[in-house]
Amino acid sequence: MEKMNLKDKTELEIMNGASLNAITAVTDDWTALGLIAEALKESGNLDEVQFKTDETVTGEYRNMKLESPLFSAVDIAEDGKIHATFGIRQKTEMELAIEQLQRQQEETNASQEIQDGAIMELAGMMGGN
């Protein structure tokens, strides 16, 4: 059985022969499938993806994005295990640029909050509050 490792070290058991647009995760129950879904949807978790056969790395990818729908197929195999197929793809240059702008905006907002707090504190000390 092969494995797929996400950035947060989540390890998914997957079927042999996966391609990026058709990865089939194998799990024992529906609760575990829910955990897989959460791990795949976690922000930044597909920024680094690694595929392994046994302990040998067979593929490494960066800046990946989950395709929609989350699972394109879900089935219960004869052995009772749940098989859920999903796909990932490389983020476009536009998606990467938007993420960079969002990070910069968050940093700017945090800096502005600090500055606003300092101004209010100074105003309080000067008796202007």
Foldseek 3Di string as FASTA:
>chain_A
DKWKAWPVRDIFDWDPPDDQAWTKTKAQDPVVVVVVLCCLPPPPRRQWMWMGDPNHTDDIDGQKHWDPPNFPDWDQDPVRIIITITHIGHDDPVVVVVVVVVVVVVVVVVVVVVVVVVVVVVCVVVVND
